[in-house]
Amino acid sequence: MLWTVVFAVVAGAVVGPLARLALPGRQSISLPLTIALGAAGSLVGTLIYYSISGDRDTVAVDWTSGLIGVVVAAILILGYGRVRGASHPTR
């Protein structure tokens, strides 16, 4: 379990920025929050992939799971932007 969390943080350092690059425009979000949302996206993406495919014996990097993680992280970043934008109106 500990290694899953450690790997999620490392994957979040890659997945979060990739998700931000995939989104149009500028996102007003810090790097630590980008990594945290990337890690969450990576974990949720892996869970989605495992529940759909049932394949838990992957030895190498699973690119499909990573792609799903980027999409989930992009959705989380968009959601954060909408929530933050609603509570902090621009002047």
N, C-alpha and C. Protein backbone atom coordinates (compact mmCIF):
# COMPACT_ATOMS: atom_id res chain seq x y z
N MET A 1 0.83 -1.20 0.00
CA MET A 1 0.00 0.00 0.00
C MET A 1 0.87 1.25 0.00
N LEU A 2 1.95 1.25 0.78
CA LEU A 2 2.83 2.41 0.83
C LEU A 2 3.44 2.69 -0.53
N TRP A 3 3.87 1.62 -1.25
CA TRP A 3 4.47 1.81 -2.56
C TRP A 3 3.46 2.30 -3.57
N THR A 4 2.19 1.97 -3.41
CA THR A 4 1.15 2.49 -4.29
C THR A 4 1.04 3.99 -4.15
N VAL A 5 1.07 4.48 -2.92
CA VAL A 5 1.00 5.92 -2.68
C VAL A 5 2.25 6.62 -3.19
N VAL A 6 3.42 6.03 -2.95
CA VAL A 6 4.67 6.62 -3.44
C VAL A 6 4.66 6.69 -4.96
N PHE A 7 4.25 5.60 -5.62
CA PHE A 7 4.18 5.60 -7.07
C PHE A 7 3.15 6.61 -7.58
N ALA A 8 2.03 6.78 -6.86
CA ALA A 8 1.01 7.74 -7.28
C ALA A 8 1.56 9.16 -7.25
N VAL A 9 2.36 9.48 -6.25
CA VAL A 9 2.95 10.82 -6.17
C VAL A 9 3.95 11.02 -7.30
N VAL A 10 4.76 10.01 -7.58
CA VAL A 10 5.71 10.11 -8.69
C VAL A 10 4.96 10.22 -10.02
N ALA A 11 3.94 9.42 -10.19
CA ALA A 11 3.14 9.49 -11.41
C ALA A 11 2.41 10.83 -11.49
N GLY A 12 2.00 11.36 -10.35
CA GLY A 12 1.32 12.66 -10.33
C GLY A 12 2.21 13.78 -10.81
N ALA A 13 3.52 13.64 -10.58
CA ALA A 13 4.48 14.64 -11.06
C ALA A 13 4.56 14.65 -12.58
N VAL A 14 4.16 13.56 -13.20
CA VAL A 14 4.13 13.48 -14.66
C VAL A 14 2.72 13.72 -15.18
N VAL A 15 1.73 13.07 -14.58
CA VAL A 15 0.35 13.11 -15.06
C VAL A 15 -0.26 14.50 -14.88
N GLY A 16 -0.02 15.15 -13.75
CA GLY A 16 -0.60 16.48 -13.51
C GLY A 16 -0.20 17.51 -14.55
N PRO A 17 1.11 17.70 -14.80
CA PRO A 17 1.50 18.64 -15.84
C PRO A 17 1.01 18.26 -17.24
N LEU A 18 0.97 16.95 -17.54
CA LEU A 18 0.43 16.52 -18.84
C LEU A 18 -1.05 16.89 -18.96
N ALA A 19 -1.78 16.73 -17.87
CA ALA A 19 -3.20 17.10 -17.87
C ALA A 19 -3.37 18.60 -18.08
N ARG A 20 -2.51 19.40 -17.45
CA ARG A 20 -2.59 20.86 -17.65
C ARG A 20 -2.25 21.24 -19.08
N LEU A 21 -1.29 20.54 -19.68
CA LEU A 21 -0.95 20.82 -21.07
C LEU A 21 -2.10 20.47 -22.02
N ALA A 22 -2.88 19.46 -21.66
CA ALA A 22 -3.99 19.03 -22.49
C ALA A 22 -5.16 20.00 -22.44
N LEU A 23 -5.21 20.82 -21.40
CA LEU A 23 -6.33 21.76 -21.24
C LEU A 23 -6.03 23.07 -21.97
N PRO A 24 -7.05 23.65 -22.59
CA PRO A 24 -6.83 24.94 -23.25
C PRO A 24 -6.75 26.07 -22.22
N GLY A 25 -6.03 27.12 -22.55
CA GLY A 25 -5.95 28.29 -21.68
C GLY A 25 -5.01 28.07 -20.52
N ARG A 26 -5.05 29.04 -19.62
CA ARG A 26 -4.16 29.01 -18.46
C ARG A 26 -4.95 28.60 -17.22
N GLN A 27 -4.35 27.74 -16.42
CA GLN A 27 -4.97 27.33 -15.16
C GLN A 27 -4.20 27.98 -14.02
N SER A 28 -4.93 28.62 -13.14
CA SER A 28 -4.31 29.26 -11.98
C SER A 28 -4.26 28.25 -10.84
N ILE A 29 -3.20 27.42 -10.86
CA ILE A 29 -3.09 26.33 -9.90
C ILE A 29 -1.61 26.13 -9.59
N SER A 30 -1.30 25.87 -8.34
CA SER A 30 0.10 25.72 -7.92
C SER A 30 0.67 24.36 -8.36
N LEU A 31 1.98 24.27 -8.36
CA LEU A 31 2.64 23.02 -8.73
C LEU A 31 2.33 21.89 -7.74
N PRO A 32 2.37 22.13 -6.42
CA PRO A 32 2.02 21.03 -5.50
C PRO A 32 0.58 20.53 -5.69
N LEU A 33 -0.34 21.45 -5.97
CA LEU A 33 -1.72 21.02 -6.20
C LEU A 33 -1.84 20.30 -7.54
N THR A 34 -1.07 20.71 -8.53
CA THR A 34 -1.05 20.01 -9.81
C THR A 34 -0.58 18.57 -9.61
N ILE A 35 0.47 18.39 -8.81
CA ILE A 35 0.99 17.05 -8.54
C ILE A 35 -0.03 16.24 -7.74
N ALA A 36 -0.68 16.85 -6.77
CA ALA A 36 -1.68 16.14 -5.96
C ALA A 36 -2.86 15.70 -6.82
N LEU A 37 -3.36 16.59 -7.69
CA LEU A 37 -4.47 16.22 -8.56
C LEU A 37 -4.02 15.20 -9.61
N GLY A 38 -2.76 15.30 -10.05
CA GLY A 38 -2.22 14.29 -10.96
C GLY A 38 -2.13 12.93 -10.30
N ALA A 39 -1.71 12.91 -9.03
CA ALA A 39 -1.64 11.65 -8.28
C ALA A 39 -3.03 11.05 -8.10
N ALA A 40 -3.99 11.89 -7.77
CA ALA A 40 -5.37 11.41 -7.62
C ALA A 40 -5.90 10.89 -8.95
N GLY A 41 -5.61 11.61 -10.03
CA GLY A 41 -6.03 11.16 -11.35
C GLY A 41 -5.38 9.85 -11.73
N SER A 42 -4.11 9.69 -11.38
CA SER A 42 -3.40 8.45 -11.67
C SER A 42 -4.00 7.28 -10.91
N LEU A 43 -4.28 7.48 -9.64
CA LEU A 43 -4.89 6.41 -8.83
C LEU A 43 -6.28 6.04 -9.36
N VAL A 44 -7.11 7.05 -9.62
CA VAL A 44 -8.46 6.79 -10.12
C VAL A 44 -8.41 6.16 -11.51
N GLY A 45 -7.49 6.64 -12.36
CA GLY A 45 -7.34 6.06 -13.68
C GLY A 45 -6.94 4.60 -13.62
N THR A 46 -6.05 4.26 -12.71
CA THR A 46 -5.64 2.86 -12.54
C THR A 46 -6.81 2.02 -12.05
N LEU A 47 -7.57 2.55 -11.10
CA LEU A 47 -8.75 1.81 -10.61
C LEU A 47 -9.77 1.60 -11.72
N ILE A 48 -10.01 2.62 -12.54
CA ILE A 48 -10.94 2.49 -13.66
C ILE A 48 -10.44 1.43 -14.64
N TYR A 49 -9.15 1.50 -14.97
CA TYR A 49 -8.59 0.53 -15.91
C TYR A 49 -8.70 -0.90 -15.37
N TYR A 50 -8.35 -1.09 -14.11
CA TYR A 50 -8.44 -2.42 -13.52
C TYR A 50 -9.87 -2.94 -13.48
N SER A 51 -10.83 -2.06 -13.20
CA SER A 51 -12.22 -2.51 -13.12
C SER A 51 -12.78 -2.85 -14.50
N ILE A 52 -12.28 -2.17 -15.55
CA ILE A 52 -12.75 -2.46 -16.90
C ILE A 52 -12.05 -3.68 -17.49
N SER A 53 -10.72 -3.73 -17.37
CA SER A 53 -9.96 -4.79 -18.04
C SER A 53 -9.79 -6.03 -17.18
N GLY A 54 -9.72 -5.87 -15.89
CA GLY A 54 -9.47 -7.01 -15.01
C GLY A 54 -8.02 -7.47 -15.02
N ASP A 55 -7.15 -6.76 -15.77
CA ASP A 55 -5.74 -7.13 -15.89
C ASP A 55 -4.94 -6.46 -14.79
N ARG A 56 -4.50 -7.24 -13.81
CA ARG A 56 -3.72 -6.69 -12.70
C ARG A 56 -2.29 -7.23 -12.70
N ASP A 57 -1.91 -7.92 -13.75
CA ASP A 57 -0.60 -8.56 -13.79
C ASP A 57 0.36 -7.85 -14.74
N THR A 58 0.16 -6.57 -15.00
CA THR A 58 1.03 -5.83 -15.89
C THR A 58 2.39 -5.66 -15.24
N VAL A 59 3.44 -6.05 -15.95
CA VAL A 59 4.79 -5.96 -15.43
C VAL A 59 5.43 -4.64 -15.82
N ALA A 60 5.15 -4.16 -17.02
CA ALA A 60 5.76 -2.93 -17.53
C ALA A 60 4.82 -1.76 -17.29
N VAL A 61 5.18 -0.61 -17.85
CA VAL A 61 4.33 0.58 -17.74
C VAL A 61 3.07 0.35 -18.57
N ASP A 62 1.94 0.62 -17.98
CA ASP A 62 0.67 0.43 -18.68
C ASP A 62 0.21 1.78 -19.23
N TRP A 63 0.36 1.98 -20.52
CA TRP A 63 0.08 3.28 -21.14
C TRP A 63 -1.41 3.59 -21.15
N THR A 64 -2.26 2.59 -21.26
CA THR A 64 -3.71 2.84 -21.25
C THR A 64 -4.14 3.39 -19.90
N SER A 65 -3.64 2.80 -18.85
CA SER A 65 -3.94 3.27 -17.50
C SER A 65 -3.42 4.70 -17.32
N GLY A 66 -2.24 4.98 -17.83
CA GLY A 66 -1.68 6.33 -17.75
C GLY A 66 -2.50 7.34 -18.50
N LEU A 67 -2.99 6.98 -19.69
CA LEU A 67 -3.83 7.88 -20.47
C LEU A 67 -5.14 8.17 -19.75
N ILE A 68 -5.74 7.15 -19.17
CA ILE A 68 -6.96 7.35 -18.39
C ILE A 68 -6.66 8.26 -17.20
N GLY A 69 -5.50 8.10 -16.58
CA GLY A 69 -5.10 8.96 -15.46
C GLY A 69 -4.96 10.41 -15.88
N VAL A 70 -4.41 10.67 -17.06
CA VAL A 70 -4.29 12.05 -17.56
C VAL A 70 -5.67 12.65 -17.77
N VAL A 71 -6.59 11.88 -18.34
CA VAL A 71 -7.96 12.38 -18.57
C VAL A 71 -8.64 12.68 -17.24
N VAL A 72 -8.52 11.77 -16.29
CA VAL A 72 -9.14 11.99 -14.97
C VAL A 72 -8.51 13.20 -14.28
N ALA A 73 -7.19 13.34 -14.36
CA ALA A 73 -6.53 14.50 -13.74
C ALA A 73 -6.97 15.80 -14.41
N ALA A 74 -7.15 15.79 -15.73
CA ALA A 74 -7.64 16.98 -16.43
C ALA A 74 -9.04 17.35 -15.94
N ILE A 75 -9.87 16.36 -15.75
CA ILE A 75 -11.22 16.61 -15.23
C ILE A 75 -11.14 17.18 -13.81
N LEU A 76 -10.25 16.64 -12.98
CA LEU A 76 -10.09 17.15 -11.61
C LEU A 76 -9.57 18.59 -11.63
N ILE A 77 -8.64 18.90 -12.51
CA ILE A 77 -8.11 20.27 -12.60
C ILE A 77 -9.20 21.22 -13.07
N LEU A 78 -9.99 20.80 -14.05
CA LEU A 78 -11.11 21.65 -14.50
C LEU A 78 -12.11 21.86 -13.37
N GLY A 79 -12.42 20.78 -12.64
CA GLY A 79 -13.35 20.90 -11.52
C GLY A 79 -12.83 21.83 -10.44
N TYR A 80 -11.54 21.73 -10.14
CA TYR A 80 -10.94 22.63 -9.15
C TYR A 80 -11.03 24.08 -9.62
N GLY A 81 -10.74 24.29 -10.90
CA GLY A 81 -10.83 25.65 -11.45
C GLY A 81 -12.22 26.23 -11.36
N ARG A 82 -13.21 25.39 -11.59
CA ARG A 82 -14.61 25.88 -11.51
C ARG A 82 -15.00 26.18 -10.07
N VAL A 83 -14.61 25.31 -9.15
CA VAL A 83 -14.94 25.53 -7.74
C VAL A 83 -14.21 26.77 -7.22
N ARG A 84 -12.95 26.88 -7.52
CA ARG A 84 -12.15 28.01 -7.06
C ARG A 84 -12.65 29.31 -7.72
N GLY A 85 -12.99 29.23 -8.98
CA GLY A 85 -13.49 30.40 -9.69
C GLY A 85 -14.82 30.88 -9.11
N ALA A 86 -15.64 29.95 -8.66
CA ALA A 86 -16.94 30.31 -8.10
C ALA A 86 -16.79 30.96 -6.74
N SER A 87 -15.78 30.52 -5.98
CA SER A 87 -15.63 31.08 -4.64
C SER A 87 -14.72 32.31 -4.61
N HIS A 88 -13.92 32.53 -5.66
CA HIS A 88 -13.04 33.68 -5.76
C HIS A 88 -13.28 34.39 -7.10
N PRO A 89 -14.32 35.23 -7.17
CA PRO A 89 -14.60 35.88 -8.44
C PRO A 89 -13.45 36.80 -8.86
N THR A 90 -13.25 36.88 -10.18
CA THR A 90 -12.19 37.76 -10.70
C THR A 90 -12.66 39.21 -10.60
N ARG A 91 -11.69 40.09 -10.44
CA ARG A 91 -12.04 41.51 -10.27
C ARG A 91 -11.85 42.27 -11.52
